[in-house]
Amino acid sequence: MKLDRRTALLGLAVTGATMPFIATAARAQTKPAASGGLDNYVQQTLLVGTVSMKTSEIAAQKATDPNVKTFATLEVAEQKAIASVLAATPSGQQPPAVPPERQKMIDQLNATEAGQTFDQAYIQAQIEGHNELLAIQQTQSGSRDPSVEAITARLAEQAVASHIAMLNLIQQMIGAQNIQNIQQGQNPDGTTTQGQDGAQPAPAQGTPPASNGG
């Protein structure tokens, strides 16, 4: 089951249209923003974006669901673009270090075996991270200040919102596939209850083996 073409293209279109505008805004900036609020916005955006990028780099390699892999690849490109734009601001020239608790989450995801459990964990982490990132953008998106930070927040808010919609759809599709697999007598991830070699389960203890008729 794959993403509807229209939905996937919408997400790509929002990202593709937003990033050039953000880059143009950065080039047009002539004076640095001195507000502590803007500094905090940049640092928080870079921190959450860095975590999203690092986990997406892992998912781009390990994801088995094609929709998850596609999203991860898209997310890496977007976060790199946002980081390059915010690097034009004074507070964005020194990216924040990833705190231990977030690094632990990245390490745990990286240690998770490739398969449906990994895909689900990645998507759930991305939904939580994108909701956090959206809230950060909304702290500045209402500002009419023509700074890089404010313009970035207004445009990035649109891209993040579209990604949340895509993530929720992917999560629903994985859940629907799980139900379909169960209805077909399989495990949720599509594997059978038999061994890898297709052998039937061993008879219960005390049950005589089936007669061969001989």
N, C-alpha and C. Protein backbone atom coordinates (compact mmCIF):
# COMPACT_ATOMS: atom_id res chain seq x y z
N MET A 1 0.84 -1.18 0.00
CA MET A 1 0.00 0.00 0.00
C MET A 1 0.88 1.24 0.00
N LYS A 2 0.69 2.14 -0.93
CA LYS A 2 1.53 3.33 -1.03
C LYS A 2 0.69 4.59 -0.86
N LEU A 3 1.39 5.70 -0.56
CA LEU A 3 0.71 6.96 -0.44
C LEU A 3 0.01 7.32 -1.73
N ASP A 4 -1.18 7.93 -1.58
CA ASP A 4 -1.87 8.46 -2.74
C ASP A 4 -0.97 9.47 -3.43
N ARG A 5 -0.88 9.38 -4.74
CA ARG A 5 0.04 10.22 -5.49
C ARG A 5 -0.21 11.70 -5.23
N ARG A 6 -1.48 12.09 -5.13
CA ARG A 6 -1.81 13.49 -4.91
C ARG A 6 -1.29 13.96 -3.57
N THR A 7 -1.45 13.12 -2.53
CA THR A 7 -0.98 13.48 -1.19
C THR A 7 0.54 13.61 -1.15
N ALA A 8 1.22 12.66 -1.75
CA ALA A 8 2.69 12.70 -1.77
C ALA A 8 3.20 13.92 -2.52
N LEU A 9 2.58 14.20 -3.66
CA LEU A 9 3.01 15.35 -4.46
C LEU A 9 2.72 16.66 -3.74
N LEU A 10 1.62 16.71 -2.97
CA LEU A 10 1.31 17.91 -2.22
C LEU A 10 2.40 18.19 -1.20
N GLY A 11 2.81 17.14 -0.48
CA GLY A 11 3.87 17.33 0.51
C GLY A 11 5.17 17.78 -0.13
N LEU A 12 5.51 17.18 -1.25
CA LEU A 12 6.73 17.57 -1.96
C LEU A 12 6.63 18.99 -2.50
N ALA A 13 5.43 19.36 -2.98
CA ALA A 13 5.24 20.69 -3.55
C ALA A 13 5.38 21.77 -2.48
N VAL A 14 4.82 21.52 -1.29
CA VAL A 14 4.92 22.49 -0.21
C VAL A 14 6.37 22.70 0.18
N THR A 15 7.10 21.60 0.33
CA THR A 15 8.51 21.69 0.68
C THR A 15 9.31 22.38 -0.41
N GLY A 16 9.08 21.96 -1.65
CA GLY A 16 9.84 22.52 -2.77
C GLY A 16 9.57 23.98 -2.98
N ALA A 17 8.34 24.41 -2.73
CA ALA A 17 7.99 25.81 -2.93
C ALA A 17 8.47 26.67 -1.76
N THR A 18 8.50 26.10 -0.57
CA THR A 18 8.84 26.87 0.62
C THR A 18 10.32 27.18 0.72
N MET A 19 11.18 26.20 0.46
CA MET A 19 12.61 26.37 0.68
C MET A 19 13.22 27.51 -0.15
N PRO A 20 12.91 27.66 -1.44
CA PRO A 20 13.50 28.78 -2.19
C PRO A 20 13.09 30.13 -1.60
N PHE A 21 11.85 30.27 -1.12
CA PHE A 21 11.41 31.51 -0.52
C PHE A 21 12.19 31.82 0.74
N ILE A 22 12.43 30.79 1.55
CA ILE A 22 13.20 30.98 2.77
C ILE A 22 14.63 31.41 2.43
N ALA A 23 15.22 30.76 1.44
CA ALA A 23 16.58 31.11 1.03
C ALA A 23 16.65 32.55 0.53
N THR A 24 15.64 33.00 -0.22
CA THR A 24 15.59 34.37 -0.73
C THR A 24 15.51 35.35 0.43
N ALA A 25 14.69 35.01 1.43
CA ALA A 25 14.56 35.87 2.60
C ALA A 25 15.88 36.02 3.32
N ALA A 26 16.64 34.95 3.42
CA ALA A 26 17.93 35.00 4.10
C ALA A 26 18.90 35.91 3.36
N ARG A 27 18.89 35.83 2.04
CA ARG A 27 19.80 36.68 1.26
C ARG A 27 19.41 38.14 1.36
N ALA A 28 18.10 38.41 1.57
CA ALA A 28 17.63 39.79 1.63
C ALA A 28 17.85 40.43 2.99
N GLN A 29 18.16 39.62 4.01
CA GLN A 29 18.34 40.14 5.36
C GLN A 29 19.56 41.03 5.42
N THR A 30 19.40 42.24 5.98
CA THR A 30 20.51 43.19 6.03
C THR A 30 20.98 43.50 7.45
N LYS A 31 20.14 43.22 8.46
CA LYS A 31 20.56 43.50 9.83
C LYS A 31 20.26 42.31 10.73
N PRO A 32 21.15 41.98 11.66
CA PRO A 32 20.93 40.83 12.53
C PRO A 32 19.80 41.07 13.52
N ALA A 33 19.12 40.01 13.88
CA ALA A 33 18.06 40.10 14.88
C ALA A 33 18.68 40.00 16.26
N ALA A 34 18.38 40.99 17.12
CA ALA A 34 19.00 41.03 18.44
C ALA A 34 18.10 40.46 19.52
N SER A 35 16.88 40.14 19.18
CA SER A 35 15.91 39.68 20.18
C SER A 35 16.30 38.33 20.75
N GLY A 36 16.21 38.23 22.09
CA GLY A 36 16.47 36.94 22.73
C GLY A 36 15.45 35.91 22.33
N GLY A 37 14.20 36.37 22.06
CA GLY A 37 13.16 35.47 21.62
C GLY A 37 13.50 34.83 20.29
N LEU A 38 14.08 35.61 19.39
CA LEU A 38 14.46 35.09 18.08
C LEU A 38 15.62 34.12 18.22
N ASP A 39 16.56 34.44 19.12
CA ASP A 39 17.68 33.53 19.35
C ASP A 39 17.16 32.17 19.84
N ASN A 40 16.22 32.23 20.76
CA ASN A 40 15.64 31.01 21.31
C ASN A 40 14.91 30.23 20.22
N TYR A 41 14.21 30.94 19.36
CA TYR A 41 13.48 30.30 18.25
C TYR A 41 14.46 29.55 17.34
N VAL A 42 15.55 30.19 16.99
CA VAL A 42 16.52 29.58 16.08
C VAL A 42 17.14 28.35 16.72
N GLN A 43 17.55 28.46 17.98
CA GLN A 43 18.20 27.34 18.65
C GLN A 43 17.25 26.15 18.81
N GLN A 44 16.00 26.43 19.17
CA GLN A 44 15.03 25.34 19.33
C GLN A 44 14.71 24.69 17.99
N THR A 45 14.57 25.50 16.95
CA THR A 45 14.29 24.96 15.62
C THR A 45 15.44 24.07 15.15
N LEU A 46 16.66 24.53 15.36
CA LEU A 46 17.82 23.75 14.94
C LEU A 46 17.95 22.46 15.74
N LEU A 47 17.65 22.53 17.05
CA LEU A 47 17.76 21.33 17.88
C LEU A 47 16.77 20.26 17.45
N VAL A 48 15.48 20.63 17.39
CA VAL A 48 14.47 19.65 17.00
C VAL A 48 14.70 19.19 15.56
N GLY A 49 15.13 20.11 14.70
CA GLY A 49 15.40 19.76 13.31
C GLY A 49 16.58 18.80 13.18
N THR A 50 17.59 18.99 14.01
CA THR A 50 18.75 18.10 13.98
C THR A 50 18.37 16.68 14.38
N VAL A 51 17.55 16.57 15.44
CA VAL A 51 17.09 15.24 15.88
C VAL A 51 16.27 14.58 14.78
N SER A 52 15.39 15.37 14.16
CA SER A 52 14.56 14.84 13.07
C SER A 52 15.43 14.38 11.91
N MET A 53 16.45 15.16 11.59
CA MET A 53 17.34 14.82 10.48
C MET A 53 18.14 13.55 10.78
N LYS A 54 18.67 13.44 12.00
CA LYS A 54 19.48 12.28 12.36
C LYS A 54 18.65 10.99 12.34
N THR A 55 17.44 11.04 12.89
CA THR A 55 16.60 9.85 12.89
C THR A 55 16.14 9.52 11.47
N SER A 56 15.95 10.56 10.66
CA SER A 56 15.53 10.32 9.27
C SER A 56 16.66 9.74 8.43
N GLU A 57 17.89 10.14 8.73
CA GLU A 57 19.02 9.54 8.03
C GLU A 57 19.09 8.03 8.32
N ILE A 58 18.79 7.67 9.56
CA ILE A 58 18.76 6.24 9.92
C ILE A 58 17.62 5.54 9.17
N ALA A 59 16.43 6.18 9.18
CA ALA A 59 15.27 5.56 8.54
C ALA A 59 15.43 5.46 7.03
N ALA A 60 16.12 6.40 6.43
CA ALA A 60 16.32 6.35 4.99
C ALA A 60 17.09 5.10 4.59
N GLN A 61 17.87 4.56 5.52
CA GLN A 61 18.64 3.36 5.27
C GLN A 61 17.93 2.10 5.74
N LYS A 62 17.21 2.17 6.88
CA LYS A 62 16.67 0.96 7.51
C LYS A 62 15.19 0.71 7.29
N ALA A 63 14.43 1.73 6.92
CA ALA A 63 12.99 1.55 6.78
C ALA A 63 12.67 0.51 5.72
N THR A 64 11.66 -0.31 6.00
CA THR A 64 11.23 -1.33 5.03
C THR A 64 9.95 -0.93 4.32
N ASP A 65 9.14 -0.09 4.95
CA ASP A 65 7.93 0.42 4.30
C ASP A 65 8.35 1.50 3.30
N PRO A 66 7.96 1.40 2.03
CA PRO A 66 8.39 2.37 1.03
C PRO A 66 7.95 3.80 1.33
N ASN A 67 6.77 3.96 1.94
CA ASN A 67 6.31 5.30 2.29
C ASN A 67 7.16 5.91 3.39
N VAL A 68 7.56 5.09 4.34
CA VAL A 68 8.41 5.56 5.44
C VAL A 68 9.77 5.97 4.88
N LYS A 69 10.32 5.17 4.00
CA LYS A 69 11.63 5.47 3.41
C LYS A 69 11.57 6.77 2.59
N THR A 70 10.49 6.94 1.82
CA THR A 70 10.33 8.15 1.02
C THR A 70 10.24 9.38 1.90
N PHE A 71 9.43 9.28 2.97
CA PHE A 71 9.30 10.42 3.87
C PHE A 71 10.64 10.75 4.52
N ALA A 72 11.37 9.75 4.97
CA ALA A 72 12.64 9.98 5.64
C ALA A 72 13.62 10.72 4.73
N THR A 73 13.66 10.32 3.48
CA THR A 73 14.56 10.98 2.52
C THR A 73 14.17 12.43 2.33
N LEU A 74 12.86 12.69 2.23
CA LEU A 74 12.35 14.05 2.10
C LEU A 74 12.69 14.88 3.32
N GLU A 75 12.55 14.30 4.50
CA GLU A 75 12.79 15.02 5.75
C GLU A 75 14.25 15.42 5.90
N VAL A 76 15.16 14.55 5.51
CA VAL A 76 16.59 14.88 5.59
C VAL A 76 16.89 16.12 4.76
N ALA A 77 16.37 16.14 3.54
CA ALA A 77 16.61 17.27 2.64
C ALA A 77 16.02 18.56 3.20
N GLU A 78 14.82 18.48 3.77
CA GLU A 78 14.17 19.68 4.29
C GLU A 78 14.92 20.24 5.49
N GLN A 79 15.31 19.38 6.42
CA GLN A 79 15.99 19.88 7.61
C GLN A 79 17.36 20.47 7.28
N LYS A 80 18.03 19.91 6.30
CA LYS A 80 19.31 20.49 5.86
C LYS A 80 19.09 21.87 5.27
N ALA A 81 18.00 22.04 4.51
CA ALA A 81 17.69 23.33 3.90
C ALA A 81 17.38 24.37 4.96
N ILE A 82 16.56 24.02 5.94
CA ILE A 82 16.22 24.96 7.00
C ILE A 82 17.46 25.35 7.80
N ALA A 83 18.31 24.37 8.10
CA ALA A 83 19.52 24.65 8.86
C ALA A 83 20.44 25.60 8.10
N SER A 84 20.54 25.42 6.79
CA SER A 84 21.41 26.28 5.99
C SER A 84 20.89 27.72 5.96
N VAL A 85 19.57 27.87 5.98
CA VAL A 85 18.99 29.21 5.99
C VAL A 85 19.22 29.88 7.34
N LEU A 86 18.95 29.18 8.42
CA LEU A 86 19.12 29.76 9.76
C LEU A 86 20.59 30.01 10.09
N ALA A 87 21.49 29.38 9.35
CA ALA A 87 22.92 29.62 9.57
C ALA A 87 23.29 31.05 9.18
N ALA A 88 22.38 31.73 8.44
CA ALA A 88 22.63 33.11 8.05
C ALA A 88 22.33 34.08 9.19
N THR A 89 21.73 33.59 10.27
CA THR A 89 21.43 34.44 11.42
C THR A 89 22.53 34.30 12.46
N PRO A 90 22.73 35.33 13.28
CA PRO A 90 23.80 35.25 14.29
C PRO A 90 23.66 34.06 15.22
N SER A 91 22.45 33.78 15.70
CA SER A 91 22.26 32.68 16.64
C SER A 91 22.24 31.33 15.97
N GLY A 92 22.22 31.30 14.64
CA GLY A 92 22.20 30.03 13.93
C GLY A 92 23.55 29.58 13.45
N GLN A 93 24.56 30.40 13.71
CA GLN A 93 25.91 30.05 13.24
C GLN A 93 26.55 28.96 14.09
N GLN A 94 26.04 28.78 15.31
CA GLN A 94 26.55 27.73 16.19
C GLN A 94 25.39 26.82 16.57
N PRO A 95 25.20 25.70 15.84
CA PRO A 95 24.09 24.79 16.12
C PRO A 95 24.19 24.23 17.54
N PRO A 96 23.05 24.02 18.20
CA PRO A 96 23.07 23.49 19.57
C PRO A 96 23.48 22.02 19.59
N ALA A 97 24.09 21.62 20.70
CA ALA A 97 24.44 20.21 20.88
C ALA A 97 23.19 19.42 21.22
N VAL A 98 23.13 18.19 20.76
CA VAL A 98 21.98 17.33 21.07
C VAL A 98 22.10 16.87 22.52
N PRO A 99 21.10 17.17 23.37
CA PRO A 99 21.18 16.76 24.77
C PRO A 99 21.13 15.24 24.93
N PRO A 100 21.64 14.72 26.05
CA PRO A 100 21.74 13.26 26.24
C PRO A 100 20.43 12.50 26.06
N GLU A 101 19.30 13.05 26.56
CA GLU A 101 18.05 12.31 26.46
C GLU A 101 17.58 12.15 25.02
N ARG A 102 17.87 13.16 24.20
CA ARG A 102 17.50 13.06 22.80
C ARG A 102 18.46 12.16 22.04
N GLN A 103 19.73 12.22 22.41
CA GLN A 103 20.71 11.33 21.78
C GLN A 103 20.39 9.88 22.11
N LYS A 104 19.90 9.64 23.32
CA LYS A 104 19.52 8.28 23.72
C LYS A 104 18.40 7.76 22.83
N MET A 105 17.43 8.62 22.52
CA MET A 105 16.33 8.22 21.64
C MET A 105 16.84 7.88 20.24
N ILE A 106 17.78 8.70 19.74
CA ILE A 106 18.37 8.44 18.43
C ILE A 106 19.10 7.09 18.43
N ASP A 107 19.87 6.85 19.50
CA ASP A 107 20.62 5.59 19.61
C ASP A 107 19.69 4.39 19.70
N GLN A 108 18.59 4.54 20.44
CA GLN A 108 17.64 3.44 20.58
C GLN A 108 16.99 3.11 19.24
N LEU A 109 16.66 4.13 18.48
CA LEU A 109 16.07 3.90 17.17
C LEU A 109 17.07 3.22 16.26
N ASN A 110 18.32 3.66 16.32
CA ASN A 110 19.35 3.07 15.48
C ASN A 110 19.59 1.60 15.83
N ALA A 111 19.38 1.26 17.11
CA ALA A 111 19.60 -0.11 17.57
C ALA A 111 18.41 -1.02 17.28
N THR A 112 17.27 -0.43 16.92
CA THR A 112 16.08 -1.23 16.62
C THR A 112 16.25 -1.96 15.30
N GLU A 113 15.92 -3.23 15.30
CA GLU A 113 16.07 -4.04 14.08
C GLU A 113 15.14 -3.54 12.99
N ALA A 114 15.63 -3.55 11.78
CA ALA A 114 14.82 -3.12 10.64
C ALA A 114 13.57 -3.98 10.52
N GLY A 115 12.46 -3.35 10.24
CA GLY A 115 11.19 -4.07 10.13
C GLY A 115 10.06 -3.16 10.54
N GLN A 116 8.89 -3.73 10.72
CA GLN A 116 7.73 -2.91 11.02
C GLN A 116 7.84 -2.18 12.36
N THR A 117 8.45 -2.83 13.36
CA THR A 117 8.62 -2.17 14.66
C THR A 117 9.46 -0.91 14.51
N PHE A 118 10.51 -0.99 13.72
CA PHE A 118 11.36 0.19 13.47
C PHE A 118 10.55 1.27 12.76
N ASP A 119 9.83 0.90 11.70
CA ASP A 119 9.05 1.87 10.93
C ASP A 119 8.04 2.59 11.81
N GLN A 120 7.34 1.83 12.66
CA GLN A 120 6.34 2.43 13.53
C GLN A 120 6.98 3.37 14.55
N ALA A 121 8.12 2.95 15.11
CA ALA A 121 8.81 3.79 16.10
C ALA A 121 9.28 5.09 15.47
N TYR A 122 9.81 5.00 14.25
CA TYR A 122 10.28 6.20 13.56
C TYR A 122 9.13 7.15 13.28
N ILE A 123 8.02 6.64 12.75
CA ILE A 123 6.88 7.49 12.42
C ILE A 123 6.32 8.16 13.67
N GLN A 124 6.19 7.41 14.76
CA GLN A 124 5.68 7.99 16.00
C GLN A 124 6.60 9.09 16.51
N ALA A 125 7.91 8.86 16.45
CA ALA A 125 8.87 9.87 16.89
C ALA A 125 8.79 11.12 16.02
N GLN A 126 8.57 10.92 14.71
CA GLN A 126 8.45 12.05 13.80
C GLN A 126 7.17 12.85 14.06
N ILE A 127 6.09 12.17 14.36
CA ILE A 127 4.84 12.88 14.67
C ILE A 127 5.04 13.77 15.90
N GLU A 128 5.66 13.20 16.94
CA GLU A 128 5.90 13.96 18.17
C GLU A 128 6.86 15.12 17.89
N GLY A 129 7.92 14.85 17.15
CA GLY A 129 8.90 15.89 16.84
C GLY A 129 8.32 16.99 15.99
N HIS A 130 7.49 16.64 15.01
CA HIS A 130 6.90 17.65 14.13
C HIS A 130 5.88 18.50 14.87
N ASN A 131 5.14 17.91 15.81
CA ASN A 131 4.21 18.71 16.60
C ASN A 131 4.98 19.72 17.46
N GLU A 132 6.13 19.28 17.99
CA GLU A 132 6.98 20.19 18.75
C GLU A 132 7.53 21.28 17.85
N LEU A 133 7.97 20.89 16.66
CA LEU A 133 8.53 21.85 15.72
C LEU A 133 7.47 22.86 15.26
N LEU A 134 6.25 22.39 15.07
CA LEU A 134 5.16 23.28 14.67
C LEU A 134 4.90 24.32 15.74
N ALA A 135 4.88 23.89 17.01
CA ALA A 135 4.66 24.83 18.11
C ALA A 135 5.76 25.89 18.16
N ILE A 136 7.00 25.48 17.86
CA ILE A 136 8.12 26.43 17.84
C ILE A 136 7.93 27.45 16.74
N GLN A 137 7.52 27.01 15.56
CA GLN A 137 7.31 27.94 14.44
C GLN A 137 6.20 28.94 14.77
N GLN A 138 5.19 28.47 15.47
CA GLN A 138 4.05 29.33 15.78
C GLN A 138 4.39 30.42 16.78
N THR A 139 5.54 30.31 17.46
CA THR A 139 5.95 31.39 18.36
C THR A 139 6.40 32.62 17.57
N GLN A 140 6.75 32.43 16.29
CA GLN A 140 7.24 33.54 15.48
C GLN A 140 6.43 33.76 14.21
N SER A 141 5.63 32.79 13.81
CA SER A 141 4.95 32.89 12.50
C SER A 141 3.94 34.02 12.44
N GLY A 142 3.43 34.47 13.60
CA GLY A 142 2.47 35.57 13.59
C GLY A 142 3.12 36.94 13.52
N SER A 143 4.44 36.98 13.63
CA SER A 143 5.15 38.26 13.58
C SER A 143 5.25 38.77 12.15
N ARG A 144 5.08 40.06 11.99
CA ARG A 144 5.23 40.69 10.66
C ARG A 144 6.62 41.26 10.46
N ASP A 145 7.50 40.99 11.39
CA ASP A 145 8.87 41.46 11.30
C ASP A 145 9.55 40.85 10.07
N PRO A 146 10.19 41.64 9.22
CA PRO A 146 10.81 41.10 8.00
C PRO A 146 12.17 40.46 8.23
N SER A 147 12.34 39.80 9.36
CA SER A 147 13.61 39.15 9.64
C SER A 147 13.63 37.74 9.05
N VAL A 148 14.81 37.19 8.92
CA VAL A 148 14.94 35.82 8.44
C VAL A 148 14.15 34.87 9.34
N GLU A 149 14.26 35.09 10.65
CA GLU A 149 13.60 34.19 11.60
C GLU A 149 12.09 34.20 11.41
N ALA A 150 11.49 35.38 11.31
CA ALA A 150 10.04 35.46 11.20
C ALA A 150 9.55 34.90 9.87
N ILE A 151 10.25 35.21 8.80
CA ILE A 151 9.85 34.70 7.49
C ILE A 151 10.02 33.19 7.43
N THR A 152 11.12 32.70 8.00
CA THR A 152 11.35 31.26 8.05
C THR A 152 10.22 30.57 8.81
N ALA A 153 9.83 31.15 9.95
CA ALA A 153 8.77 30.56 10.77
C ALA A 153 7.46 30.49 10.00
N ARG A 154 7.11 31.55 9.28
CA ARG A 154 5.84 31.57 8.55
C ARG A 154 5.82 30.50 7.46
N LEU A 155 6.91 30.39 6.74
CA LEU A 155 6.96 29.43 5.64
C LEU A 155 7.18 28.00 6.12
N ALA A 156 8.04 27.85 7.13
CA ALA A 156 8.30 26.50 7.65
C ALA A 156 7.05 25.92 8.30
N GLU A 157 6.23 26.78 8.88
CA GLU A 157 5.00 26.31 9.52
C GLU A 157 4.13 25.54 8.52
N GLN A 158 4.05 26.04 7.28
CA GLN A 158 3.26 25.37 6.25
C GLN A 158 3.83 23.99 5.93
N ALA A 159 5.15 23.93 5.78
CA ALA A 159 5.79 22.66 5.44
C ALA A 159 5.64 21.65 6.57
N VAL A 160 5.81 22.10 7.81
CA VAL A 160 5.70 21.18 8.96
C VAL A 160 4.28 20.65 9.07
N ALA A 161 3.29 21.53 8.87
CA ALA A 161 1.90 21.10 8.95
C ALA A 161 1.59 20.05 7.89
N SER A 162 2.13 20.23 6.68
CA SER A 162 1.89 19.25 5.62
C SER A 162 2.55 17.92 5.95
N HIS A 163 3.70 17.96 6.61
CA HIS A 163 4.40 16.74 6.99
C HIS A 163 3.64 15.99 8.08
N ILE A 164 3.04 16.73 9.00
CA ILE A 164 2.24 16.08 10.05
C ILE A 164 1.08 15.32 9.41
N ALA A 165 0.44 15.93 8.41
CA ALA A 165 -0.66 15.25 7.71
C ALA A 165 -0.16 13.99 7.02
N MET A 166 1.00 14.06 6.39
CA MET A 166 1.57 12.90 5.72
C MET A 166 1.94 11.80 6.71
N LEU A 167 2.51 12.20 7.84
CA LEU A 167 2.90 11.22 8.86
C LEU A 167 1.69 10.50 9.44
N ASN A 168 0.64 11.26 9.72
CA ASN A 168 -0.58 10.64 10.24
C ASN A 168 -1.18 9.66 9.23
N LEU A 169 -1.11 10.02 7.95
CA LEU A 169 -1.63 9.13 6.91
C LEU A 169 -0.80 7.86 6.83
N ILE A 170 0.51 7.99 6.88
CA ILE A 170 1.38 6.80 6.83
C ILE A 170 1.10 5.90 8.02
N GLN A 171 0.94 6.50 9.20
CA GLN A 171 0.66 5.72 10.40
C GLN A 171 -0.66 4.96 10.26
N GLN A 172 -1.68 5.62 9.71
CA GLN A 172 -2.98 4.98 9.50
C GLN A 172 -2.86 3.84 8.49
N MET A 173 -2.06 4.03 7.46
CA MET A 173 -1.90 3.01 6.43
C MET A 173 -1.19 1.78 6.99
N ILE A 174 -0.19 2.00 7.85
CA ILE A 174 0.50 0.88 8.48
C ILE A 174 -0.48 0.12 9.37
N GLY A 175 -1.32 0.86 10.11
CA GLY A 175 -2.32 0.22 10.96
C GLY A 175 -3.33 -0.57 10.16
N ALA A 176 -3.76 -0.02 9.03
CA ALA A 176 -4.72 -0.73 8.18
C ALA A 176 -4.11 -2.00 7.61
N GLN A 177 -2.83 -1.94 7.26
CA GLN A 177 -2.15 -3.12 6.74
C GLN A 177 -2.03 -4.19 7.81
N ASN A 178 -1.80 -3.75 9.06
CA ASN A 178 -1.73 -4.71 10.17
C ASN A 178 -3.04 -5.47 10.30
N ILE A 179 -4.16 -4.74 10.26
CA ILE A 179 -5.48 -5.36 10.39
C ILE A 179 -5.72 -6.34 9.24
N GLN A 180 -5.34 -5.94 8.03
CA GLN A 180 -5.53 -6.81 6.88
C GLN A 180 -4.71 -8.09 7.03
N ASN A 181 -3.48 -7.96 7.52
CA ASN A 181 -2.63 -9.14 7.71
C ASN A 181 -3.24 -10.09 8.73
N ILE A 182 -3.76 -9.54 9.83
CA ILE A 182 -4.38 -10.37 10.87
C ILE A 182 -5.60 -11.09 10.31
N GLN A 183 -6.40 -10.39 9.52
CA GLN A 183 -7.59 -11.00 8.93
C GLN A 183 -7.23 -12.13 7.98
N GLN A 184 -6.04 -12.07 7.42
CA GLN A 184 -5.58 -13.11 6.50
C GLN A 184 -4.83 -14.22 7.24
N GLY A 185 -4.87 -14.19 8.58
CA GLY A 185 -4.23 -15.23 9.37
C GLY A 185 -2.74 -15.06 9.53
N GLN A 186 -2.23 -13.84 9.31
CA GLN A 186 -0.81 -13.58 9.46
C GLN A 186 -0.56 -12.75 10.71
N ASN A 187 0.71 -12.60 11.05
CA ASN A 187 1.08 -11.68 12.10
C ASN A 187 0.86 -10.25 11.59
N PRO A 188 0.77 -9.25 12.48
CA PRO A 188 0.55 -7.88 12.03
C PRO A 188 1.56 -7.39 11.00
N ASP A 189 2.82 -7.86 11.11
CA ASP A 189 3.84 -7.41 10.17
C ASP A 189 3.85 -8.20 8.87
N GLY A 190 2.89 -9.12 8.71
CA GLY A 190 2.78 -9.86 7.46
C GLY A 190 3.47 -11.19 7.45
N THR A 191 4.21 -11.51 8.52
CA THR A 191 4.86 -12.81 8.59
C THR A 191 3.84 -13.86 9.02
N THR A 192 4.14 -15.11 8.71
CA THR A 192 3.24 -16.19 9.10
C THR A 192 3.60 -16.69 10.48
N THR A 193 2.70 -17.45 11.07
CA THR A 193 2.95 -18.01 12.40
C THR A 193 3.83 -19.24 12.32
N GLN A 194 4.09 -19.74 11.10
CA GLN A 194 4.98 -20.88 10.92
C GLN A 194 6.42 -20.40 10.96
N GLY A 195 7.33 -21.36 11.03
CA GLY A 195 8.75 -21.03 11.02
C GLY A 195 9.16 -20.49 9.68
N GLN A 196 10.38 -19.99 9.62
CA GLN A 196 10.89 -19.42 8.39
C GLN A 196 10.92 -20.43 7.26
N ASP A 197 11.04 -21.74 7.58
CA ASP A 197 11.11 -22.75 6.54
C ASP A 197 9.73 -23.27 6.15
N GLY A 198 8.68 -22.69 6.75
CA GLY A 198 7.32 -23.08 6.39
C GLY A 198 6.86 -24.34 7.09
N ALA A 199 7.65 -24.87 8.05
CA ALA A 199 7.25 -26.10 8.73
C ALA A 199 6.06 -25.84 9.62
N GLN A 200 5.20 -26.82 9.77
CA GLN A 200 4.05 -26.70 10.64
C GLN A 200 4.51 -26.70 12.09
N PRO A 201 3.74 -26.07 12.99
CA PRO A 201 4.12 -26.09 14.40
C PRO A 201 4.16 -27.51 14.94
N ALA A 202 5.06 -27.77 15.88
CA ALA A 202 5.19 -29.11 16.46
C ALA A 202 3.93 -29.45 17.24
N PRO A 203 3.50 -30.73 17.24
CA PRO A 203 2.30 -31.10 17.98
C PRO A 203 2.50 -30.92 19.47
N ALA A 204 1.41 -30.66 20.16
CA ALA A 204 1.48 -30.46 21.60
C ALA A 204 1.98 -31.73 22.27
N GLN A 205 2.63 -31.56 23.44
CA GLN A 205 3.18 -32.70 24.16
C GLN A 205 2.06 -33.67 24.54
N GLY A 206 2.29 -34.97 24.26
CA GLY A 206 1.29 -35.99 24.58
C GLY A 206 0.33 -36.26 23.46
N THR A 207 0.45 -35.48 22.37
CA THR A 207 -0.45 -35.70 21.21
C THR A 207 0.25 -36.62 20.23
N PRO A 208 -0.34 -37.75 19.88
CA PRO A 208 0.33 -38.65 18.94
C PRO A 208 0.44 -38.02 17.57
N PRO A 209 1.52 -38.31 16.85
CA PRO A 209 1.68 -37.77 15.50
C PRO A 209 0.60 -38.32 14.59
N ALA A 210 0.31 -37.52 13.56
CA ALA A 210 -0.73 -37.94 12.60
C ALA A 210 -0.27 -39.18 11.88
N SER A 211 -1.22 -40.10 11.64
CA SER A 211 -0.90 -41.36 10.94
C SER A 211 -0.65 -41.11 9.48
N ASN A 212 0.33 -41.83 8.95
CA ASN A 212 0.62 -41.76 7.51
C ASN A 212 -0.22 -42.72 6.72
N GLY A 213 -1.04 -43.50 7.43
CA GLY A 213 -1.90 -44.45 6.71
C GLY A 213 -1.19 -45.77 6.44
N GLY A 214 0.05 -45.99 6.93
CA GLY A 214 0.80 -47.20 6.62
C GLY A 214 0.86 -48.14 7.79
